[in-house]
Amino acid sequence: MAKCNNCGKSTSFGHNRSFSLRATNRTFKPNLQKVKVMEQGRLVKKTLCARCIKTLGKAAA
């Protein structure tokens, strides 16, 4: 399943709203990327959302 390994963010559901306000189902998918992260001195492959990648980048600097 598409899920961020850090924060757990996954697909959420909502509605498309047309001009007549008719509601049809839609999905909101997170921006997931496969990245290599240093964890306890080793390089580990993880699937992270863009927000988590940005936050980890700030913590490293």
PDB file of N, CA and C in Angstrom:
ATOM      1  N   MET A   1       0.837  -1.187   0.000  1.00  0.00           N
ATOM      2  CA  MET A   1       0.000   0.000   0.000  1.00  0.00           C
ATOM      3  C   MET A   1       0.879   1.246   0.000  1.00  0.00           C
ATOM      4  N   ALA A   2       0.443   2.276  -0.686  1.00  0.00           N
ATOM      5  CA  ALA A   2       1.196   3.521  -0.745  1.00  0.00           C
ATOM      6  C   ALA A   2       1.078   4.246   0.583  1.00  0.00           C
ATOM      7  N   LYS A   3       2.217   4.298   1.333  1.00  0.00           N
ATOM      8  CA  LYS A   3       2.189   4.895   2.661  1.00  0.00           C
ATOM      9  C   LYS A   3       3.581   5.420   2.999  1.00  0.00           C
ATOM     10  N   CYS A   4       3.632   6.580   3.622  1.00  0.00           N
ATOM     11  CA  CYS A   4       4.903   7.153   4.061  1.00  0.00           C
ATOM     12  C   CYS A   4       5.424   6.356   5.249  1.00  0.00           C
ATOM     13  N   ASN A   5       6.706   5.944   5.193  1.00  0.00           N
ATOM     14  CA  ASN A   5       7.303   5.167   6.284  1.00  0.00           C
ATOM     15  C   ASN A   5       7.578   6.004   7.524  1.00  0.00           C
ATOM     16  N   ASN A   6       7.562   7.319   7.390  1.00  0.00           N
ATOM     17  CA  ASN A   6       7.869   8.186   8.524  1.00  0.00           C
ATOM     18  C   ASN A   6       6.600   8.660   9.247  1.00  0.00           C
ATOM     19  N   CYS A   7       5.646   9.253   8.522  1.00  0.00           N
ATOM     20  CA  CYS A   7       4.470   9.841   9.168  1.00  0.00           C
ATOM     21  C   CYS A   7       3.200   9.021   8.960  1.00  0.00           C
ATOM     22  N   GLY A   8       3.229   8.044   8.061  1.00  0.00           N
ATOM     23  CA  GLY A   8       2.055   7.200   7.852  1.00  0.00           C
ATOM     24  C   GLY A   8       1.023   7.782   6.915  1.00  0.00           C
ATOM     25  N   LYS A   9       1.362   8.874   6.237  1.00  0.00           N
ATOM     26  CA  LYS A   9       0.416   9.507   5.315  1.00  0.00           C
ATOM     27  C   LYS A   9       0.110   8.555   4.166  1.00  0.00           C
ATOM     28  N   SER A  10      -1.187   8.404   3.844  1.00  0.00           N
ATOM     29  CA  SER A  10      -1.589   7.524   2.752  1.00  0.00           C
ATOM     30  C   SER A  10      -2.751   8.170   1.997  1.00  0.00           C
ATOM     31  N   THR A  11      -3.294   7.452   1.044  1.00  0.00           N
ATOM     32  CA  THR A  11      -4.385   7.969   0.229  1.00  0.00           C
ATOM     33  C   THR A  11      -5.589   8.315   1.090  1.00  0.00           C
ATOM     34  N   SER A  12      -6.157   9.515   0.856  1.00  0.00           N
ATOM     35  CA  SER A  12      -7.376   9.907   1.552  1.00  0.00           C
ATOM     36  C   SER A  12      -8.460  10.158   0.503  1.00  0.00           C
ATOM     37  N   PHE A  13      -9.688  10.199   0.950  1.00  0.00           N
ATOM     38  CA  PHE A  13     -10.809  10.283   0.030  1.00  0.00           C
ATOM     39  C   PHE A  13     -11.629  11.537   0.277  1.00  0.00           C
ATOM     40  N   GLY A  14     -12.262  12.001  -0.793  1.00  0.00           N
ATOM     41  CA  GLY A  14     -13.104  13.186  -0.715  1.00  0.00           C
ATOM     42  C   GLY A  14     -14.062  13.210  -1.888  1.00  0.00           C
ATOM     43  N   HIS A  15     -14.482  14.417  -2.281  1.00  0.00           N
ATOM     44  CA  HIS A  15     -15.430  14.562  -3.377  1.00  0.00           C
ATOM     45  C   HIS A  15     -14.952  15.601  -4.375  1.00  0.00           C
ATOM     46  N   ASN A  16     -15.229  15.345  -5.664  1.00  0.00           N
ATOM     47  CA  ASN A  16     -15.166  16.381  -6.680  1.00  0.00           C
ATOM     48  C   ASN A  16     -16.468  17.140  -6.598  1.00  0.00           C
ATOM     49  N   ARG A  17     -16.414  18.462  -6.712  1.00  0.00           N
ATOM     50  CA  ARG A  17     -17.635  19.260  -6.707  1.00  0.00           C
ATOM     51  C   ARG A  17     -17.739  19.980  -8.038  1.00  0.00           C
ATOM     52  N   SER A  18     -18.780  19.677  -8.794  1.00  0.00           N
ATOM     53  CA  SER A  18     -18.998  20.333 -10.072  1.00  0.00           C
ATOM     54  C   SER A  18     -19.695  21.673  -9.848  1.00  0.00           C
ATOM     55  N   PHE A  19     -19.934  22.416 -10.931  1.00  0.00           N
ATOM     56  CA  PHE A  19     -20.605  23.724 -10.838  1.00  0.00           C
ATOM     57  C   PHE A  19     -21.991  23.582 -10.234  1.00  0.00           C
ATOM     58  N   SER A  20     -22.656  22.464 -10.510  1.00  0.00           N
ATOM     59  CA  SER A  20     -23.992  22.224  -9.950  1.00  0.00           C
ATOM     60  C   SER A  20     -23.927  21.640  -8.536  1.00  0.00           C
ATOM     61  N   LEU A  21     -22.697  21.532  -7.988  1.00  0.00           N
ATOM     62  CA  LEU A  21     -22.420  20.996  -6.651  1.00  0.00           C
ATOM     63  C   LEU A  21     -22.740  19.518  -6.513  1.00  0.00           C
ATOM     64  N   ARG A  22     -22.757  18.796  -7.635  1.00  0.00           N
ATOM     65  CA  ARG A  22     -22.905  17.341  -7.578  1.00  0.00           C
ATOM     66  C   ARG A  22     -21.590  16.766  -7.055  1.00  0.00           C
ATOM     67  N   ALA A  23     -21.671  15.854  -6.082  1.00  0.00           N
ATOM     68  CA  ALA A  23     -20.471  15.284  -5.454  1.00  0.00           C
ATOM     69  C   ALA A  23     -20.174  13.919  -6.062  1.00  0.00           C
ATOM     70  N   THR A  24     -18.966  13.766  -6.616  1.00  0.00           N
ATOM     71  CA  THR A  24     -18.504  12.466  -7.078  1.00  0.00           C
ATOM     72  C   THR A  24     -17.223  12.133  -6.327  1.00  0.00           C
ATOM     73  N   ASN A  25     -16.992  10.862  -6.098  1.00  0.00           N
ATOM     74  CA  ASN A  25     -15.843  10.436  -5.296  1.00  0.00           C
ATOM     75  C   ASN A  25     -14.527  10.696  -6.000  1.00  0.00           C
ATOM     76  N   ARG A  26     -13.505  11.010  -5.220  1.00  0.00           N
ATOM     77  CA  ARG A  26     -12.151  11.172  -5.739  1.00  0.00           C
ATOM     78  C   ARG A  26     -11.158  10.775  -4.655  1.00  0.00           C
ATOM     79  N   THR A  27      -9.876  10.633  -5.042  1.00  0.00           N
ATOM     80  CA  THR A  27      -8.831  10.283  -4.093  1.00  0.00           C
ATOM     81  C   THR A  27      -7.777  11.383  -4.070  1.00  0.00           C
ATOM     82  N   PHE A  28      -7.203  11.598  -2.911  1.00  0.00           N
ATOM     83  CA  PHE A  28      -6.074  12.503  -2.748  1.00  0.00           C
ATOM     84  C   PHE A  28      -4.868  11.634  -2.426  1.00  0.00           C
ATOM     85  N   LYS A  29      -3.899  11.574  -3.348  1.00  0.00           N
ATOM     86  CA  LYS A  29      -2.731  10.720  -3.166  1.00  0.00           C
ATOM     87  C   LYS A  29      -1.545  11.541  -2.684  1.00  0.00           C
ATOM     88  N   PRO A  30      -0.787  11.046  -1.704  1.00  0.00           N
ATOM     89  CA  PRO A  30       0.379  11.782  -1.214  1.00  0.00           C
ATOM     90  C   PRO A  30       1.521  11.720  -2.224  1.00  0.00           C
ATOM     91  N   ASN A  31       2.394  12.705  -2.154  1.00  0.00           N
ATOM     92  CA  ASN A  31       3.553  12.788  -3.040  1.00  0.00           C
ATOM     93  C   ASN A  31       4.665  11.928  -2.442  1.00  0.00           C
ATOM     94  N   LEU A  32       4.656  10.630  -2.764  1.00  0.00           N
ATOM     95  CA  LEU A  32       5.619   9.682  -2.194  1.00  0.00           C
ATOM     96  C   LEU A  32       6.824   9.508  -3.116  1.00  0.00           C
ATOM     97  N   GLN A  33       7.997   9.463  -2.509  1.00  0.00           N
ATOM     98  CA  GLN A  33       9.243   9.284  -3.241  1.00  0.00           C
ATOM     99  C   GLN A  33      10.055   8.188  -2.553  1.00  0.00           C
ATOM    100  N   LYS A  34      10.804   7.417  -3.341  1.00  0.00           N
ATOM    101  CA  LYS A  34      11.721   6.430  -2.776  1.00  0.00           C
ATOM    102  C   LYS A  34      13.084   7.095  -2.632  1.00  0.00           C
ATOM    103  N   VAL A  35      13.566   7.176  -1.391  1.00  0.00           N
ATOM    104  CA  VAL A  35      14.830   7.862  -1.106  1.00  0.00           C
ATOM    105  C   VAL A  35      15.717   6.987  -0.226  1.00  0.00           C
ATOM    106  N   LYS A  36      17.013   7.287  -0.247  1.00  0.00           N
ATOM    107  CA  LYS A  36      17.972   6.622   0.626  1.00  0.00           C
ATOM    108  C   LYS A  36      18.264   7.554   1.791  1.00  0.00           C
ATOM    109  N   VAL A  37      18.135   7.025   3.005  1.00  0.00           N
ATOM    110  CA  VAL A  37      18.284   7.824   4.216  1.00  0.00           C
ATOM    111  C   VAL A  37      19.328   7.178   5.116  1.00  0.00           C
ATOM    112  N   MET A  38      20.153   8.011   5.760  1.00  0.00           N
ATOM    113  CA  MET A  38      21.107   7.501   6.745  1.00  0.00           C
ATOM    114  C   MET A  38      20.361   7.238   8.045  1.00  0.00           C
ATOM    115  N   GLU A  39      20.387   5.983   8.507  1.00  0.00           N
ATOM    116  CA  GLU A  39      19.712   5.608   9.742  1.00  0.00           C
ATOM    117  C   GLU A  39      20.668   4.768  10.577  1.00  0.00           C
ATOM    118  N   GLN A  40      21.063   5.284  11.708  1.00  0.00           N
ATOM    119  CA  GLN A  40      22.002   4.614  12.608  1.00  0.00           C
ATOM    120  C   GLN A  40      23.286   4.216  11.888  1.00  0.00           C
ATOM    121  N   GLY A  41      23.808   5.127  11.064  1.00  0.00           N
ATOM    122  CA  GLY A  41      25.069   4.906  10.376  1.00  0.00           C
ATOM    123  C   GLY A  41      24.993   4.047   9.130  1.00  0.00           C
ATOM    124  N   ARG A  42      23.791   3.614   8.720  1.00  0.00           N
ATOM    125  CA  ARG A  42      23.655   2.819   7.493  1.00  0.00           C
ATOM    126  C   ARG A  42      22.703   3.508   6.532  1.00  0.00           C
ATOM    127  N   LEU A  43      22.877   3.235   5.250  1.00  0.00           N
ATOM    128  CA  LEU A  43      21.993   3.760   4.212  1.00  0.00           C
ATOM    129  C   LEU A  43      20.799   2.826   4.062  1.00  0.00           C
ATOM    130  N   VAL A  44      19.577   3.368   4.204  1.00  0.00           N
ATOM    131  CA  VAL A  44      18.353   2.576   4.153  1.00  0.00           C
ATOM    132  C   VAL A  44      17.417   3.178   3.118  1.00  0.00           C
ATOM    133  N   LYS A  45      16.799   2.319   2.284  1.00  0.00           N
ATOM    134  CA  LYS A  45      15.807   2.793   1.317  1.00  0.00           C
ATOM    135  C   LYS A  45      14.461   2.919   2.017  1.00  0.00           C
ATOM    136  N   LYS A  46      13.804   4.079   1.859  1.00  0.00           N
ATOM    137  CA  LYS A  46      12.496   4.299   2.456  1.00  0.00           C
ATOM    138  C   LYS A  46      11.590   4.996   1.463  1.00  0.00           C
ATOM    139  N   THR A  47      10.285   4.836   1.648  1.00  0.00           N
ATOM    140  CA  THR A  47       9.294   5.568   0.877  1.00  0.00           C
ATOM    141  C   THR A  47       8.774   6.681   1.773  1.00  0.00           C
ATOM    142  N   LEU A  48       9.073   7.935   1.395  1.00  0.00           N
ATOM    143  CA  LEU A  48       8.707   9.083   2.213  1.00  0.00           C
ATOM    144  C   LEU A  48       7.888  10.081   1.400  1.00  0.00           C
ATOM    145  N   CYS A  49       7.018  10.828   2.093  1.00  0.00           N
ATOM    146  CA  CYS A  49       6.282  11.893   1.425  1.00  0.00           C
ATOM    147  C   CYS A  49       7.210  13.110   1.302  1.00  0.00           C
ATOM    148  N   ALA A  50       6.855  14.027   0.433  1.00  0.00           N
ATOM    149  CA  ALA A  50       7.696  15.194   0.157  1.00  0.00           C
ATOM    150  C   ALA A  50       7.909  16.031   1.404  1.00  0.00           C
ATOM    151  N   ARG A  51       6.899  16.154   2.254  1.00  0.00           N
ATOM    152  CA  ARG A  51       7.033  16.944   3.481  1.00  0.00           C
ATOM    153  C   ARG A  51       8.068  16.336   4.413  1.00  0.00           C
ATOM    154  N   CYS A  52       8.076  15.009   4.552  1.00  0.00           N
ATOM    155  CA  CYS A  52       9.054  14.347   5.425  1.00  0.00           C
ATOM    156  C   CYS A  52      10.461  14.478   4.868  1.00  0.00           C
ATOM    157  N   ILE A  53      10.620  14.402   3.550  1.00  0.00           N
ATOM    158  CA  ILE A  53      11.936  14.573   2.930  1.00  0.00           C
ATOM    159  C   ILE A  53      12.455  15.976   3.228  1.00  0.00           C
ATOM    160  N   LYS A  54      11.582  16.968   3.109  1.00  0.00           N
ATOM    161  CA  LYS A  54      11.940  18.352   3.371  1.00  0.00           C
ATOM    162  C   LYS A  54      12.340  18.536   4.826  1.00  0.00           C
ATOM    163  N   THR A  55      11.591  17.958   5.747  1.00  0.00           N
ATOM    164  CA  THR A  55      11.870  18.090   7.172  1.00  0.00           C
ATOM    165  C   THR A  55      13.182  17.399   7.541  1.00  0.00           C
ATOM    166  N   LEU A  56      13.434  16.213   6.985  1.00  0.00           N
ATOM    167  CA  LEU A  56      14.697  15.508   7.261  1.00  0.00           C
ATOM    168  C   LEU A  56      15.889  16.303   6.717  1.00  0.00           C
ATOM    169  N   GLY A  57      15.703  16.966   5.597  1.00  0.00           N
ATOM    170  CA  GLY A  57      16.753  17.808   5.027  1.00  0.00           C
ATOM    171  C   GLY A  57      17.086  18.974   5.925  1.00  0.00           C
ATOM    172  N   LYS A  58      16.068  19.552   6.561  1.00  0.00           N
ATOM    173  CA  LYS A  58      16.284  20.677   7.480  1.00  0.00           C
ATOM    174  C   LYS A  58      17.030  20.220   8.724  1.00  0.00           C
ATOM    175  N   ALA A  59      16.680  19.020   9.230  1.00  0.00           N
ATOM    176  CA  ALA A  59      17.306  18.502  10.439  1.00  0.00           C
ATOM    177  C   ALA A  59      18.781  18.172  10.205  1.00  0.00           C
ATOM    178  N   ALA A  60      19.118  17.752   8.988  1.00  0.00           N
ATOM    179  CA  ALA A  60      20.490  17.372   8.687  1.00  0.00           C
ATOM    180  C   ALA A  60      21.405  18.597   8.563  1.00  0.00           C
ATOM    181  N   ALA A  61      20.830  19.724   8.145  1.00  0.00           N
ATOM    182  CA  ALA A  61      21.644  20.932   7.933  1.00  0.00           C
ATOM    183  C   ALA A  61      21.921  21.701   9.189  1.00  0.00           C
TER     184      ALA A  61
END
